[in-house]
């Protein structure tokens, strides 16, 4: 068997290792970056809704003269 096939090919041009010139590496990176951003947005939005949630019905003092059947003194 030929020894050259087992060894990795050394790239002579450093431009071939660049992010902008390798569309395979850049597309994989951008896909995982997009997935990470969507998950972070989902978790952040859920946390924001959780912290600003409706806490329940407050106790409101209603004057007696404004009720459906008003009560006067």
Protein backbone atom coordinates (compact mmCIF):
# COMPACT_ATOMS: atom_id res chain seq x y z
CA UNK A 1 0.00 0.00 0.00
CA UNK A 2 1.16 3.48 -0.76
CA UNK A 3 2.36 5.50 2.27
CA UNK A 4 1.18 8.82 0.85
CA UNK A 5 -2.49 7.86 1.04
CA UNK A 6 -2.40 7.34 4.81
CA UNK A 7 -0.87 10.70 5.64
CA UNK A 8 -2.97 13.88 5.69
CA UNK A 9 -2.44 16.30 2.84
CA UNK A 10 -0.73 19.48 3.96
CA UNK A 11 -2.33 22.57 2.48
CA UNK A 12 0.20 24.87 0.89
CA UNK A 13 -2.20 27.80 0.49
CA UNK A 14 -3.32 29.23 3.87
CA UNK A 15 -6.34 30.77 2.11
CA UNK A 16 -7.86 27.27 1.85
CA UNK A 17 -8.01 27.05 5.65
CA UNK A 18 -9.80 30.40 5.93
CA UNK A 19 -13.39 30.55 7.14
CA UNK A 20 -14.60 32.60 4.18
CA UNK A 21 -13.11 30.31 1.55
CA UNK A 22 -14.39 26.99 2.91
CA UNK A 23 -18.17 26.97 2.44
CA UNK A 24 -18.52 23.54 4.06
CA UNK A 25 -16.94 24.60 7.36
CA UNK A 26 -18.65 27.97 7.33
CA UNK A 27 -22.12 26.52 6.65
CA UNK A 28 -21.77 24.02 9.51
CA UNK A 29 -20.59 26.77 11.84
CA UNK A 30 -23.41 29.11 10.81
CA UNK A 31 -25.99 26.33 11.24
CA UNK A 32 -24.89 25.60 14.82
CA UNK A 33 -24.65 29.34 15.55
CA UNK A 34 -28.24 29.76 14.34
CA UNK A 35 -29.44 26.82 16.46
CA UNK A 36 -27.65 28.23 19.53
CA UNK A 37 -29.14 31.70 18.99
CA UNK A 38 -32.67 30.29 18.60
CA UNK A 39 -32.34 28.25 21.80
CA UNK A 40 -30.92 31.25 23.67
CA UNK A 41 -33.78 33.43 22.41
CA UNK A 42 -36.36 30.82 23.44
CA UNK A 43 -34.88 30.41 26.93
CA UNK A 44 -34.46 34.17 27.39
CA UNK A 45 -38.03 34.89 26.29
CA UNK A 46 -39.42 32.18 28.52
CA UNK A 47 -37.47 33.51 31.49
CA UNK A 48 -38.67 37.06 30.79
CA UNK A 49 -42.28 35.91 30.66
CA UNK A 50 -41.80 33.91 33.85
CA UNK A 51 -40.36 36.83 35.82
CA UNK A 52 -43.08 39.25 34.63
CA UNK A 53 -45.97 36.83 35.00
CA UNK A 54 -49.39 37.72 36.39
CA UNK A 55 -49.17 37.42 40.15
CA UNK A 56 -52.89 37.05 40.85
CA UNK A 57 -55.92 39.17 41.50
CA UNK A 58 -55.10 42.15 43.74
CA UNK A 59 -57.34 43.17 46.63
CA UNK A 60 -59.07 46.39 45.53
CA UNK A 61 -61.13 48.59 47.85
CA UNK A 62 -64.27 49.62 45.99
CA UNK A 63 -66.34 52.48 47.39
CA UNK A 64 -69.88 51.45 48.30
CA UNK A 65 -71.54 54.15 46.19
CA UNK A 66 -70.01 52.76 42.96
CA UNK A 67 -71.34 49.20 43.30
CA UNK A 68 -74.06 47.73 41.05
CA UNK A 69 -76.48 48.21 43.92
CA UNK A 70 -75.10 51.39 45.54
CA UNK A 71 -75.00 51.70 49.26
CA UNK A 72 -75.42 55.20 50.57
CA UNK A 73 -74.91 56.48 54.07
